[in-house]
């Protein structure tokens, strides 16, 4: 397992390194302190987990996350002193898996790492499947609409997978937050709406498959 720690404060970077090394002794852990250097590492190495600070030299964590999600599906845990709701929502809307505010307990970070990794390790169907005009392969992260390939970020993939494997089931926003983000983010229902809107836009001719159920939530059905 390869892990990248992106944190410009050396003592925090080293602290995370020590705790992760103890929890995952076989992990290959890289440490960087600069945003542009981090992006270069990500494009050169296939990482299984990214621990990402927000306030970094040369490129902030939000911009890194945005660029990563354009091409990669790796888990991202954001670590930041910016604890306000606006910045946390910004992170989740960019597709991060968890947002940890400073000061934090390294032991809690380790627990969050384990939780995020376990969600990614869940087995998904390997065969190509079709529903309506959609053809998809979860193992290869491939999806096309009427034979036109489209690209989904990690959270969009998780939403799509949940919907297409439970055709017709109505999910509340709270349920989607719990099932896709892994926690009960009270008051963060806007995160769901934002991701649903983007997923609909990307599904092109299949956008109508995601249906809004009045006063209930969303369902996926032709």
N, C-alpha and C. Protein backbone atom coordinates (compact mmCIF):
# COMPACT_ATOMS: atom_id res chain seq x y z
N UNK A 1 0.84 -1.20 0.00
CA UNK A 1 0.00 0.00 0.00
C UNK A 1 0.88 1.25 0.00
N UNK A 2 0.55 2.18 -0.88
CA UNK A 2 1.31 3.43 -0.99
C UNK A 2 0.47 4.60 -0.47
N UNK A 3 1.06 5.37 0.42
CA UNK A 3 0.37 6.50 1.04
C UNK A 3 1.19 7.77 0.85
N UNK A 4 0.52 8.86 0.50
CA UNK A 4 1.20 10.15 0.36
C UNK A 4 0.68 11.11 1.41
N UNK A 5 1.60 11.65 2.22
CA UNK A 5 1.26 12.67 3.22
C UNK A 5 1.68 14.03 2.66
N UNK A 6 0.73 14.94 2.52
CA UNK A 6 1.02 16.28 2.02
C UNK A 6 0.71 17.27 3.14
N UNK A 7 1.73 17.71 3.82
CA UNK A 7 1.60 18.59 4.99
C UNK A 7 2.86 19.43 5.09
N UNK A 8 2.70 20.78 5.05
CA UNK A 8 3.89 21.64 5.03
C UNK A 8 4.53 21.83 6.40
N UNK A 9 3.79 21.54 7.48
CA UNK A 9 4.38 21.62 8.82
C UNK A 9 5.11 20.31 9.12
N UNK A 10 6.44 20.39 9.18
CA UNK A 10 7.23 19.16 9.27
C UNK A 10 6.89 18.31 10.48
N UNK A 11 6.65 18.95 11.63
CA UNK A 11 6.39 18.15 12.83
C UNK A 11 5.08 17.38 12.71
N UNK A 12 4.08 17.96 12.03
CA UNK A 12 2.83 17.25 11.82
C UNK A 12 2.99 16.15 10.78
N UNK A 13 3.76 16.45 9.74
CA UNK A 13 4.03 15.46 8.71
C UNK A 13 4.73 14.24 9.32
N UNK A 14 5.73 14.52 10.14
CA UNK A 14 6.48 13.43 10.78
C UNK A 14 5.61 12.66 11.78
N UNK A 15 4.74 13.38 12.49
CA UNK A 15 3.86 12.73 13.46
C UNK A 15 2.92 11.76 12.75
N UNK A 16 2.34 12.19 11.64
CA UNK A 16 1.48 11.31 10.86
C UNK A 16 2.26 10.12 10.33
N UNK A 17 3.46 10.39 9.85
CA UNK A 17 4.31 9.31 9.33
C UNK A 17 4.54 8.25 10.40
N UNK A 18 4.87 8.67 11.60
CA UNK A 18 5.16 7.72 12.69
C UNK A 18 3.94 6.88 13.04
N UNK A 19 2.79 7.52 13.16
CA UNK A 19 1.58 6.78 13.55
C UNK A 19 1.12 5.83 12.44
N UNK A 20 1.20 6.30 11.19
CA UNK A 20 0.78 5.44 10.08
C UNK A 20 1.75 4.27 9.92
N UNK A 21 3.04 4.53 10.10
CA UNK A 21 4.04 3.46 10.00
C UNK A 21 3.79 2.38 11.05
N UNK A 22 3.37 2.81 12.23
CA UNK A 22 3.09 1.84 13.29
C UNK A 22 1.82 1.04 12.98
N UNK A 23 0.81 1.73 12.45
CA UNK A 23 -0.46 1.05 12.15
C UNK A 23 -0.37 0.19 10.89
N UNK A 24 0.44 0.64 9.93
CA UNK A 24 0.59 -0.08 8.66
C UNK A 24 2.08 -0.25 8.36
N UNK A 25 2.74 -1.18 9.05
CA UNK A 25 4.20 -1.32 8.93
C UNK A 25 4.68 -1.68 7.53
N UNK A 26 3.82 -2.24 6.70
CA UNK A 26 4.23 -2.62 5.35
C UNK A 26 3.93 -1.53 4.33
N UNK A 27 3.36 -0.44 4.77
CA UNK A 27 2.99 0.63 3.84
C UNK A 27 4.23 1.39 3.35
N UNK A 28 4.18 1.79 2.11
CA UNK A 28 5.21 2.65 1.52
C UNK A 28 4.70 4.09 1.62
N UNK A 29 5.28 4.86 2.54
CA UNK A 29 4.77 6.20 2.86
C UNK A 29 5.72 7.27 2.33
N UNK A 30 5.19 8.17 1.52
CA UNK A 30 5.97 9.31 1.03
C UNK A 30 5.51 10.58 1.72
N UNK A 31 6.45 11.48 1.99
CA UNK A 31 6.15 12.75 2.64
C UNK A 31 6.55 13.90 1.73
N UNK A 32 5.62 14.83 1.50
CA UNK A 32 5.94 16.04 0.75
C UNK A 32 5.37 17.24 1.50
N UNK A 33 5.91 18.41 1.19
CA UNK A 33 5.59 19.62 1.96
C UNK A 33 5.10 20.76 1.07
N UNK A 34 4.93 20.49 -0.22
CA UNK A 34 4.63 21.53 -1.19
C UNK A 34 3.53 21.03 -2.13
N UNK A 35 2.59 21.91 -2.49
CA UNK A 35 1.47 21.50 -3.31
C UNK A 35 1.84 21.03 -4.70
N UNK A 36 2.70 21.77 -5.39
CA UNK A 36 3.10 21.38 -6.73
C UNK A 36 3.90 20.09 -6.73
N UNK A 37 4.75 19.93 -5.73
CA UNK A 37 5.52 18.69 -5.60
C UNK A 37 4.58 17.51 -5.38
N UNK A 38 3.54 17.74 -4.57
CA UNK A 38 2.56 16.68 -4.31
C UNK A 38 1.88 16.24 -5.60
N UNK A 39 1.46 17.21 -6.40
CA UNK A 39 0.77 16.89 -7.65
C UNK A 39 1.68 16.10 -8.59
N UNK A 40 2.94 16.45 -8.60
CA UNK A 40 3.91 15.73 -9.42
C UNK A 40 4.04 14.28 -8.95
N UNK A 41 4.11 14.08 -7.63
CA UNK A 41 4.18 12.72 -7.07
C UNK A 41 2.95 11.91 -7.47
N UNK A 42 1.79 12.53 -7.37
CA UNK A 42 0.53 11.82 -7.65
C UNK A 42 0.48 11.36 -9.10
N UNK A 43 1.00 12.16 -10.01
CA UNK A 43 0.98 11.79 -11.42
C UNK A 43 2.04 10.74 -11.76
N UNK A 44 3.03 10.58 -10.90
CA UNK A 44 4.10 9.63 -11.17
C UNK A 44 3.94 8.31 -10.43
N UNK A 45 3.14 8.30 -9.36
CA UNK A 45 3.00 7.11 -8.51
C UNK A 45 1.54 6.80 -8.28
N UNK A 46 1.21 5.52 -8.27
CA UNK A 46 -0.17 5.09 -8.00
C UNK A 46 -0.36 4.94 -6.50
N UNK A 47 -1.00 5.92 -5.87
CA UNK A 47 -1.19 5.91 -4.42
C UNK A 47 -2.54 5.29 -4.05
N UNK A 48 -2.55 4.65 -2.87
CA UNK A 48 -3.77 4.05 -2.34
C UNK A 48 -4.49 4.98 -1.38
N UNK A 49 -3.80 6.04 -0.94
CA UNK A 49 -4.39 6.99 0.01
C UNK A 49 -3.63 8.31 -0.04
N UNK A 50 -4.37 9.41 0.00
CA UNK A 50 -3.78 10.74 0.03
C UNK A 50 -4.26 11.47 1.28
N UNK A 51 -3.31 11.88 2.13
CA UNK A 51 -3.60 12.73 3.29
C UNK A 51 -3.18 14.14 2.90
N UNK A 52 -4.13 15.06 2.85
CA UNK A 52 -3.90 16.34 2.19
C UNK A 52 -4.23 17.53 3.08
N UNK A 53 -3.22 18.35 3.35
CA UNK A 53 -3.44 19.62 4.05
C UNK A 53 -4.06 20.61 3.06
N UNK A 54 -4.69 21.65 3.57
CA UNK A 54 -5.30 22.65 2.69
C UNK A 54 -4.32 23.78 2.38
N UNK A 55 -3.76 24.37 3.42
CA UNK A 55 -2.88 25.53 3.23
C UNK A 55 -1.46 25.06 2.98
N UNK A 56 -1.07 25.07 1.70
CA UNK A 56 0.23 24.56 1.27
C UNK A 56 0.93 25.58 0.38
N UNK A 57 2.25 25.55 0.33
CA UNK A 57 2.98 26.43 -0.59
C UNK A 57 2.67 26.08 -2.04
N UNK A 58 2.54 27.09 -2.88
CA UNK A 58 2.46 27.00 -4.34
C UNK A 58 1.15 26.45 -4.89
N UNK A 59 0.46 25.59 -4.18
CA UNK A 59 -0.86 25.12 -4.62
C UNK A 59 -1.61 24.60 -3.41
N UNK A 60 -2.81 25.12 -3.17
CA UNK A 60 -3.53 24.69 -1.97
C UNK A 60 -4.20 23.33 -2.16
N UNK A 61 -4.62 22.75 -1.05
CA UNK A 61 -5.19 21.42 -1.08
C UNK A 61 -6.46 21.30 -1.89
N UNK A 62 -7.28 22.34 -1.92
CA UNK A 62 -8.51 22.30 -2.70
C UNK A 62 -8.21 22.16 -4.19
N UNK A 63 -7.23 22.93 -4.67
CA UNK A 63 -6.86 22.86 -6.08
C UNK A 63 -6.25 21.50 -6.41
N UNK A 64 -5.44 20.99 -5.50
CA UNK A 64 -4.87 19.65 -5.70
C UNK A 64 -5.99 18.62 -5.82
N UNK A 65 -6.94 18.69 -4.90
CA UNK A 65 -8.06 17.75 -4.89
C UNK A 65 -8.84 17.82 -6.20
N UNK A 66 -9.10 19.03 -6.65
CA UNK A 66 -9.83 19.22 -7.91
C UNK A 66 -9.12 18.54 -9.07
N UNK A 67 -7.81 18.72 -9.13
CA UNK A 67 -7.04 18.14 -10.24
C UNK A 67 -6.93 16.62 -10.11
N UNK A 68 -6.78 16.15 -8.88
CA UNK A 68 -6.69 14.70 -8.66
C UNK A 68 -7.98 14.02 -9.10
N UNK A 69 -9.11 14.60 -8.73
CA UNK A 69 -10.40 13.97 -9.04
C UNK A 69 -10.73 13.98 -10.54
N UNK A 70 -10.00 14.75 -11.31
CA UNK A 70 -10.20 14.73 -12.76
C UNK A 70 -9.66 13.45 -13.38
N UNK A 71 -8.73 12.78 -12.67
CA UNK A 71 -8.07 11.62 -13.26
C UNK A 71 -7.98 10.40 -12.35
N UNK A 72 -8.09 10.59 -11.03
CA UNK A 72 -7.80 9.49 -10.11
C UNK A 72 -8.96 9.25 -9.14
N UNK A 73 -9.03 7.99 -8.65
CA UNK A 73 -10.10 7.59 -7.74
C UNK A 73 -9.60 7.30 -6.33
N UNK A 74 -8.35 7.63 -6.02
CA UNK A 74 -7.77 7.31 -4.72
C UNK A 74 -8.54 7.98 -3.57
N UNK A 75 -8.57 7.33 -2.39
CA UNK A 75 -9.18 7.97 -1.22
C UNK A 75 -8.42 9.23 -0.82
N UNK A 76 -9.14 10.26 -0.40
CA UNK A 76 -8.51 11.51 0.04
C UNK A 76 -9.08 11.90 1.40
N UNK A 77 -8.19 12.08 2.37
CA UNK A 77 -8.57 12.63 3.67
C UNK A 77 -7.93 14.00 3.78
N UNK A 78 -8.74 15.02 3.97
CA UNK A 78 -8.23 16.38 4.06
C UNK A 78 -8.01 16.75 5.52
N UNK A 79 -6.85 17.34 5.81
CA UNK A 79 -6.48 17.76 7.15
C UNK A 79 -6.30 19.27 7.14
N UNK A 80 -7.05 19.99 7.98
CA UNK A 80 -7.00 21.45 7.86
C UNK A 80 -7.35 22.15 9.16
N UNK A 81 -6.76 23.33 9.33
CA UNK A 81 -7.13 24.20 10.44
C UNK A 81 -8.39 25.01 10.11
N UNK A 82 -8.84 24.93 8.86
CA UNK A 82 -10.06 25.63 8.44
C UNK A 82 -11.26 24.77 8.82
N UNK A 83 -11.84 25.08 9.96
CA UNK A 83 -12.88 24.21 10.52
C UNK A 83 -14.31 24.68 10.22
N UNK A 84 -14.46 25.79 9.50
CA UNK A 84 -15.81 26.31 9.24
C UNK A 84 -16.55 25.43 8.22
N UNK A 85 -17.85 25.52 8.26
CA UNK A 85 -18.70 24.69 7.40
C UNK A 85 -18.42 24.92 5.93
N UNK A 86 -18.21 26.17 5.53
CA UNK A 86 -18.00 26.49 4.11
C UNK A 86 -16.82 25.73 3.53
N UNK A 87 -15.70 25.71 4.25
CA UNK A 87 -14.52 25.02 3.73
C UNK A 87 -14.68 23.51 3.77
N UNK A 88 -15.37 22.99 4.79
CA UNK A 88 -15.61 21.55 4.83
C UNK A 88 -16.50 21.12 3.67
N UNK A 89 -17.55 21.90 3.41
CA UNK A 89 -18.42 21.59 2.28
C UNK A 89 -17.67 21.68 0.96
N UNK A 90 -16.78 22.65 0.86
CA UNK A 90 -15.98 22.79 -0.35
C UNK A 90 -15.17 21.53 -0.60
N UNK A 91 -14.57 21.00 0.47
CA UNK A 91 -13.80 19.77 0.34
C UNK A 91 -14.66 18.60 -0.11
N UNK A 92 -15.81 18.42 0.55
CA UNK A 92 -16.69 17.31 0.19
C UNK A 92 -17.23 17.45 -1.23
N UNK A 93 -17.52 18.67 -1.64
CA UNK A 93 -18.01 18.89 -3.00
C UNK A 93 -16.95 18.59 -4.05
N UNK A 94 -15.69 18.66 -3.66
CA UNK A 94 -14.60 18.32 -4.57
C UNK A 94 -14.32 16.82 -4.59
N UNK A 95 -14.98 16.08 -3.70
CA UNK A 95 -14.86 14.62 -3.75
C UNK A 95 -13.97 13.99 -2.71
N UNK A 96 -13.63 14.72 -1.62
CA UNK A 96 -12.82 14.09 -0.58
C UNK A 96 -13.67 13.06 0.16
N UNK A 97 -12.99 12.18 0.90
CA UNK A 97 -13.68 11.12 1.65
C UNK A 97 -13.90 11.50 3.10
N UNK A 98 -13.04 12.33 3.65
CA UNK A 98 -13.21 12.77 5.04
C UNK A 98 -12.46 14.09 5.23
N UNK A 99 -12.91 14.85 6.21
CA UNK A 99 -12.32 16.16 6.51
C UNK A 99 -12.02 16.18 8.00
N UNK A 100 -10.74 16.28 8.35
CA UNK A 100 -10.31 16.27 9.75
C UNK A 100 -9.78 17.64 10.10
N UNK A 101 -10.33 18.25 11.15
CA UNK A 101 -9.90 19.59 11.53
C UNK A 101 -8.78 19.55 12.57
N UNK A 102 -7.89 20.52 12.46
CA UNK A 102 -6.79 20.66 13.41
C UNK A 102 -7.24 21.51 14.59
N UNK A 103 -6.71 21.24 15.79
CA UNK A 103 -5.80 20.14 16.12
C UNK A 103 -6.53 18.81 16.15
N UNK A 104 -5.86 17.75 15.74
CA UNK A 104 -6.49 16.44 15.70
C UNK A 104 -5.68 15.42 16.49
N UNK A 105 -6.34 14.35 16.84
CA UNK A 105 -5.67 13.23 17.49
C UNK A 105 -5.16 12.28 16.41
N UNK A 106 -3.86 11.99 16.39
CA UNK A 106 -3.34 11.04 15.39
C UNK A 106 -4.04 9.69 15.44
N UNK A 107 -4.46 9.28 16.64
CA UNK A 107 -5.16 8.00 16.76
C UNK A 107 -6.51 8.04 16.05
N UNK A 108 -7.18 9.19 16.11
CA UNK A 108 -8.45 9.34 15.40
C UNK A 108 -8.21 9.32 13.89
N UNK A 109 -7.13 9.96 13.45
CA UNK A 109 -6.79 9.96 12.03
C UNK A 109 -6.57 8.53 11.54
N UNK A 110 -5.89 7.72 12.35
CA UNK A 110 -5.66 6.32 11.98
C UNK A 110 -6.98 5.58 11.84
N UNK A 111 -7.92 5.83 12.74
CA UNK A 111 -9.24 5.20 12.66
C UNK A 111 -9.97 5.62 11.38
N UNK A 112 -9.85 6.89 11.04
CA UNK A 112 -10.50 7.39 9.83
C UNK A 112 -9.86 6.79 8.58
N UNK A 113 -8.54 6.62 8.62
CA UNK A 113 -7.84 5.96 7.51
C UNK A 113 -8.38 4.55 7.31
N UNK A 114 -8.50 3.81 8.42
CA UNK A 114 -9.00 2.44 8.34
C UNK A 114 -10.41 2.40 7.77
N UNK A 115 -11.25 3.35 8.19
CA UNK A 115 -12.63 3.39 7.72
C UNK A 115 -12.69 3.68 6.22
N UNK A 116 -11.91 4.66 5.78
CA UNK A 116 -11.91 5.02 4.36
C UNK A 116 -11.38 3.87 3.51
N UNK A 117 -10.28 3.26 3.94
CA UNK A 117 -9.70 2.16 3.17
C UNK A 117 -10.65 0.98 3.08
N UNK A 118 -11.37 0.71 4.17
CA UNK A 118 -12.30 -0.43 4.16
C UNK A 118 -13.42 -0.21 3.15
N UNK A 119 -13.85 1.04 3.01
CA UNK A 119 -14.91 1.33 2.04
C UNK A 119 -14.43 1.11 0.61
N UNK A 120 -13.16 1.41 0.37
CA UNK A 120 -12.61 1.24 -0.97
C UNK A 120 -12.31 -0.22 -1.28
N UNK A 121 -12.15 -1.02 -0.24
CA UNK A 121 -11.80 -2.43 -0.45
C UNK A 121 -13.01 -3.31 -0.70
N UNK A 122 -14.22 -2.75 -0.55
CA UNK A 122 -15.43 -3.54 -0.82
C UNK A 122 -15.42 -3.99 -2.28
N UNK A 123 -15.70 -5.24 -2.49
CA UNK A 123 -15.68 -5.79 -3.84
C UNK A 123 -16.88 -5.28 -4.63
N UNK A 124 -16.63 -4.97 -5.88
CA UNK A 124 -17.69 -4.51 -6.77
C UNK A 124 -17.76 -5.43 -7.98
N UNK A 125 -18.89 -5.47 -8.67
CA UNK A 125 -19.02 -6.35 -9.83
C UNK A 125 -17.95 -6.07 -10.88
N UNK A 126 -17.36 -7.14 -11.44
CA UNK A 126 -16.28 -6.99 -12.41
C UNK A 126 -16.79 -7.01 -13.85
N UNK A 127 -17.95 -7.61 -14.08
CA UNK A 127 -18.44 -7.75 -15.44
C UNK A 127 -19.06 -6.45 -15.93
N UNK A 128 -19.10 -6.31 -17.24
CA UNK A 128 -19.77 -5.16 -17.84
C UNK A 128 -21.27 -5.34 -17.75
N UNK A 129 -21.97 -4.29 -17.38
CA UNK A 129 -23.42 -4.37 -17.22
C UNK A 129 -24.07 -3.23 -17.99
N UNK A 130 -25.36 -3.40 -18.26
CA UNK A 130 -26.11 -2.40 -19.02
C UNK A 130 -27.44 -2.13 -18.33
N UNK A 131 -27.80 -0.86 -18.27
CA UNK A 131 -29.13 -0.47 -17.79
C UNK A 131 -29.59 0.68 -18.68
N UNK A 132 -30.64 0.42 -19.46
CA UNK A 132 -31.09 1.44 -20.40
C UNK A 132 -29.99 1.79 -21.39
N UNK A 133 -29.67 3.07 -21.49
CA UNK A 133 -28.63 3.52 -22.42
C UNK A 133 -27.26 3.55 -21.76
N UNK A 134 -27.17 3.07 -20.51
CA UNK A 134 -25.92 3.12 -19.75
C UNK A 134 -25.22 1.77 -19.80
N UNK A 135 -23.94 1.78 -20.13
CA UNK A 135 -23.08 0.60 -20.02
C UNK A 135 -21.97 0.93 -19.04
N UNK A 136 -21.73 0.04 -18.06
CA UNK A 136 -20.77 0.38 -17.01
C UNK A 136 -19.99 -0.85 -16.55
N UNK A 137 -18.80 -0.58 -16.01
CA UNK A 137 -17.93 -1.61 -15.43
C UNK A 137 -17.29 -1.00 -14.20
N UNK A 138 -17.74 -1.42 -13.01
CA UNK A 138 -17.25 -0.81 -11.77
C UNK A 138 -15.78 -1.13 -11.52
N UNK A 139 -15.36 -2.33 -11.89
CA UNK A 139 -13.97 -2.71 -11.65
C UNK A 139 -13.00 -1.83 -12.42
N UNK A 140 -13.37 -1.48 -13.64
CA UNK A 140 -12.50 -0.67 -14.50
C UNK A 140 -12.83 0.82 -14.44
N UNK A 141 -13.84 1.19 -13.64
CA UNK A 141 -14.28 2.58 -13.56
C UNK A 141 -14.61 3.13 -14.96
N UNK A 142 -15.36 2.34 -15.70
CA UNK A 142 -15.74 2.75 -17.05
C UNK A 142 -17.26 2.87 -17.15
N UNK A 143 -17.71 3.90 -17.83
CA UNK A 143 -19.15 4.10 -18.04
C UNK A 143 -19.34 4.85 -19.35
N UNK A 144 -20.37 4.46 -20.08
CA UNK A 144 -20.68 5.15 -21.33
C UNK A 144 -22.19 5.30 -21.46
N UNK A 145 -22.59 6.35 -22.13
CA UNK A 145 -24.00 6.64 -22.39
C UNK A 145 -24.20 6.58 -23.90
N UNK A 146 -25.02 5.63 -24.37
CA UNK A 146 -25.18 5.44 -25.82
C UNK A 146 -23.83 5.32 -26.51
N UNK A 147 -22.94 4.55 -25.89
CA UNK A 147 -21.59 4.25 -26.40
C UNK A 147 -20.64 5.44 -26.34
N UNK A 148 -21.06 6.53 -25.70
CA UNK A 148 -20.18 7.69 -25.51
C UNK A 148 -19.58 7.63 -24.11
N UNK A 149 -18.25 7.44 -23.98
CA UNK A 149 -17.63 7.35 -22.65
C UNK A 149 -17.76 8.67 -21.89
N UNK A 150 -18.01 8.56 -20.59
CA UNK A 150 -18.03 9.74 -19.72
C UNK A 150 -17.12 9.46 -18.53
N UNK A 151 -16.77 10.51 -17.80
CA UNK A 151 -15.87 10.37 -16.65
C UNK A 151 -16.59 10.83 -15.39
N UNK A 152 -16.54 10.00 -14.35
CA UNK A 152 -17.13 10.34 -13.06
C UNK A 152 -16.05 10.40 -12.00
N UNK A 153 -16.17 11.35 -11.05
CA UNK A 153 -15.23 11.35 -9.94
C UNK A 153 -15.66 10.30 -8.93
N UNK A 154 -14.90 10.16 -7.87
CA UNK A 154 -15.10 9.06 -6.93
C UNK A 154 -16.49 9.07 -6.29
N UNK A 155 -16.95 10.20 -5.81
CA UNK A 155 -18.26 10.27 -5.17
C UNK A 155 -19.39 10.06 -6.17
N UNK A 156 -19.21 10.56 -7.38
CA UNK A 156 -20.22 10.34 -8.41
C UNK A 156 -20.33 8.85 -8.74
N UNK A 157 -19.17 8.18 -8.76
CA UNK A 157 -19.17 6.73 -8.99
C UNK A 157 -19.93 6.02 -7.87
N UNK A 158 -19.68 6.40 -6.63
CA UNK A 158 -20.32 5.73 -5.50
C UNK A 158 -21.83 5.96 -5.52
N UNK A 159 -22.24 7.18 -5.86
CA UNK A 159 -23.67 7.45 -5.98
C UNK A 159 -24.29 6.62 -7.10
N UNK A 160 -23.63 6.61 -8.25
CA UNK A 160 -24.15 5.85 -9.38
C UNK A 160 -24.24 4.36 -9.04
N UNK A 161 -23.19 3.82 -8.41
CA UNK A 161 -23.19 2.41 -8.06
C UNK A 161 -24.34 2.08 -7.10
N UNK A 162 -24.54 2.95 -6.11
CA UNK A 162 -25.62 2.72 -5.15
C UNK A 162 -26.97 2.73 -5.86
N UNK A 163 -27.17 3.70 -6.74
CA UNK A 163 -28.45 3.81 -7.44
C UNK A 163 -28.70 2.62 -8.37
N UNK A 164 -27.70 2.29 -9.19
CA UNK A 164 -27.91 1.29 -10.23
C UNK A 164 -28.01 -0.12 -9.67
N UNK A 165 -27.53 -0.33 -8.46
CA UNK A 165 -27.66 -1.64 -7.83
C UNK A 165 -28.90 -1.72 -6.94
N UNK A 166 -29.65 -0.62 -6.85
CA UNK A 166 -30.90 -0.61 -6.08
C UNK A 166 -31.96 0.17 -6.87
N UNK A 167 -32.23 -0.32 -8.08
CA UNK A 167 -33.17 0.35 -8.98
C UNK A 167 -34.53 0.55 -8.30
N UNK A 168 -35.02 1.78 -8.35
CA UNK A 168 -36.35 2.08 -7.84
C UNK A 168 -36.43 2.40 -6.36
N UNK A 169 -35.36 2.14 -5.63
CA UNK A 169 -35.40 2.43 -4.19
C UNK A 169 -35.24 3.93 -3.96
N UNK A 170 -36.04 4.47 -3.06
CA UNK A 170 -35.95 5.89 -2.72
C UNK A 170 -34.99 6.07 -1.56
N UNK A 171 -34.00 6.96 -1.75
CA UNK A 171 -33.04 7.29 -0.70
C UNK A 171 -33.25 8.73 -0.25
N UNK A 172 -33.30 8.94 1.05
CA UNK A 172 -33.32 10.30 1.57
C UNK A 172 -31.91 10.88 1.46
N UNK A 173 -31.80 12.19 1.56
CA UNK A 173 -30.48 12.82 1.54
C UNK A 173 -29.63 12.33 2.71
N UNK A 174 -30.27 12.15 3.86
CA UNK A 174 -29.53 11.68 5.04
C UNK A 174 -28.97 10.28 4.80
N UNK A 175 -29.75 9.42 4.16
CA UNK A 175 -29.27 8.07 3.86
C UNK A 175 -28.10 8.10 2.88
N UNK A 176 -28.20 8.95 1.88
CA UNK A 176 -27.11 9.06 0.90
C UNK A 176 -25.84 9.57 1.55
N UNK A 177 -25.96 10.54 2.45
CA UNK A 177 -24.79 11.04 3.17
C UNK A 177 -24.14 9.92 3.97
N UNK A 178 -24.96 9.12 4.63
CA UNK A 178 -24.43 8.04 5.46
C UNK A 178 -23.81 6.94 4.62
N UNK A 179 -24.46 6.56 3.52
CA UNK A 179 -24.01 5.44 2.72
C UNK A 179 -22.82 5.78 1.82
N UNK A 180 -22.80 6.98 1.29
CA UNK A 180 -21.75 7.36 0.34
C UNK A 180 -20.58 8.05 1.02
N UNK A 181 -20.89 8.93 1.99
CA UNK A 181 -19.82 9.65 2.68
C UNK A 181 -19.38 8.93 3.95
N UNK A 182 -20.21 8.02 4.44
CA UNK A 182 -19.81 7.18 5.56
C UNK A 182 -20.15 7.72 6.93
N UNK A 183 -20.72 8.91 7.00
CA UNK A 183 -21.03 9.53 8.29
C UNK A 183 -22.36 10.26 8.18
N UNK A 184 -22.90 10.61 9.32
CA UNK A 184 -24.12 11.42 9.35
C UNK A 184 -23.74 12.89 9.44
N UNK A 185 -23.64 13.55 8.29
CA UNK A 185 -23.26 14.95 8.27
C UNK A 185 -24.50 15.82 8.42
N UNK A 186 -24.88 16.07 9.64
CA UNK A 186 -26.08 16.86 9.90
C UNK A 186 -25.95 18.24 9.26
N UNK A 187 -26.95 18.60 8.49
CA UNK A 187 -26.95 19.91 7.87
C UNK A 187 -26.19 19.99 6.56
N UNK A 188 -25.63 18.85 6.09
CA UNK A 188 -24.81 18.88 4.89
C UNK A 188 -25.56 18.32 3.67
N UNK A 189 -26.90 18.38 3.71
CA UNK A 189 -27.68 17.81 2.62
C UNK A 189 -27.38 18.49 1.28
N UNK A 190 -26.91 19.73 1.32
CA UNK A 190 -26.56 20.42 0.08
C UNK A 190 -25.46 19.70 -0.67
N UNK A 191 -24.60 19.01 0.05
CA UNK A 191 -23.55 18.23 -0.58
C UNK A 191 -24.15 17.19 -1.51
N UNK A 192 -25.20 16.51 -1.05
CA UNK A 192 -25.88 15.51 -1.87
C UNK A 192 -26.47 16.16 -3.11
N UNK A 193 -27.18 17.27 -2.93
CA UNK A 193 -27.82 17.94 -4.06
C UNK A 193 -26.80 18.36 -5.11
N UNK A 194 -25.66 18.86 -4.65
CA UNK A 194 -24.61 19.29 -5.58
C UNK A 194 -24.09 18.12 -6.40
N UNK A 195 -23.83 16.99 -5.73
CA UNK A 195 -23.31 15.82 -6.45
C UNK A 195 -24.36 15.21 -7.37
N UNK A 196 -25.62 15.20 -6.94
CA UNK A 196 -26.69 14.69 -7.80
C UNK A 196 -26.80 15.54 -9.06
N UNK A 197 -26.73 16.85 -8.91
CA UNK A 197 -26.82 17.75 -10.06
C UNK A 197 -25.70 17.48 -11.05
N UNK A 198 -24.48 17.31 -10.55
CA UNK A 198 -23.34 17.05 -11.43
C UNK A 198 -23.45 15.69 -12.09
N UNK A 199 -23.92 14.69 -11.33
CA UNK A 199 -24.08 13.35 -11.90
C UNK A 199 -25.12 13.36 -13.01
N UNK A 200 -26.22 14.06 -12.79
CA UNK A 200 -27.25 14.17 -13.83
C UNK A 200 -26.67 14.79 -15.10
N UNK A 201 -25.91 15.85 -14.95
CA UNK A 201 -25.33 16.52 -16.11
C UNK A 201 -24.42 15.58 -16.89
N UNK A 202 -23.66 14.77 -16.17
CA UNK A 202 -22.72 13.87 -16.84
C UNK A 202 -23.40 12.66 -17.49
N UNK A 203 -24.57 12.28 -16.99
CA UNK A 203 -25.26 11.11 -17.53
C UNK A 203 -25.96 11.39 -18.87
N UNK A 204 -25.93 12.62 -19.32
CA UNK A 204 -26.42 12.98 -20.65
C UNK A 204 -27.84 12.46 -20.88
N UNK A 205 -28.02 11.55 -21.86
CA UNK A 205 -29.35 11.05 -22.21
C UNK A 205 -29.98 10.23 -21.09
N UNK A 206 -29.19 9.85 -20.10
CA UNK A 206 -29.72 9.07 -18.97
C UNK A 206 -29.95 9.94 -17.74
N UNK A 207 -29.85 11.24 -17.89
CA UNK A 207 -29.98 12.14 -16.73
C UNK A 207 -31.34 12.00 -16.05
N UNK A 208 -32.36 11.67 -16.84
CA UNK A 208 -33.71 11.55 -16.28
C UNK A 208 -33.88 10.31 -15.40
N UNK A 209 -32.89 9.39 -15.45
CA UNK A 209 -32.97 8.19 -14.62
C UNK A 209 -32.90 8.55 -13.14
N UNK A 210 -32.20 9.64 -12.81
CA UNK A 210 -32.15 10.09 -11.41
C UNK A 210 -33.38 10.96 -11.18
N UNK A 211 -34.31 10.45 -10.42
CA UNK A 211 -35.58 11.12 -10.22
C UNK A 211 -35.69 11.69 -8.81
N UNK A 212 -36.17 12.92 -8.72
CA UNK A 212 -36.44 13.54 -7.42
C UNK A 212 -37.82 13.10 -6.94
N UNK A 213 -37.85 12.56 -5.73
CA UNK A 213 -39.12 12.13 -5.13
C UNK A 213 -39.54 13.19 -4.13
N UNK A 214 -40.65 13.84 -4.37
CA UNK A 214 -41.09 14.99 -3.58
C UNK A 214 -41.12 14.67 -2.09
N UNK A 215 -40.45 15.51 -1.31
CA UNK A 215 -40.39 15.43 0.15
C UNK A 215 -39.77 14.12 0.66
N UNK A 216 -39.10 13.40 -0.24
CA UNK A 216 -38.48 12.14 0.19
C UNK A 216 -37.00 12.09 -0.11
N UNK A 217 -36.62 12.28 -1.37
CA UNK A 217 -35.21 12.18 -1.73
C UNK A 217 -35.03 11.90 -3.20
N UNK A 218 -34.27 10.84 -3.51
CA UNK A 218 -33.98 10.51 -4.90
C UNK A 218 -34.11 9.01 -5.13
N UNK A 219 -34.44 8.65 -6.38
CA UNK A 219 -34.40 7.26 -6.79
C UNK A 219 -33.84 7.18 -8.21
N UNK A 220 -33.42 5.98 -8.61
CA UNK A 220 -32.83 5.76 -9.93
C UNK A 220 -33.70 4.76 -10.67
N UNK A 221 -34.27 5.19 -11.79
CA UNK A 221 -35.19 4.32 -12.53
C UNK A 221 -35.45 4.91 -13.90
N UNK A 222 -35.57 4.04 -14.91
CA UNK A 222 -35.88 4.51 -16.26
C UNK A 222 -37.31 5.05 -16.33
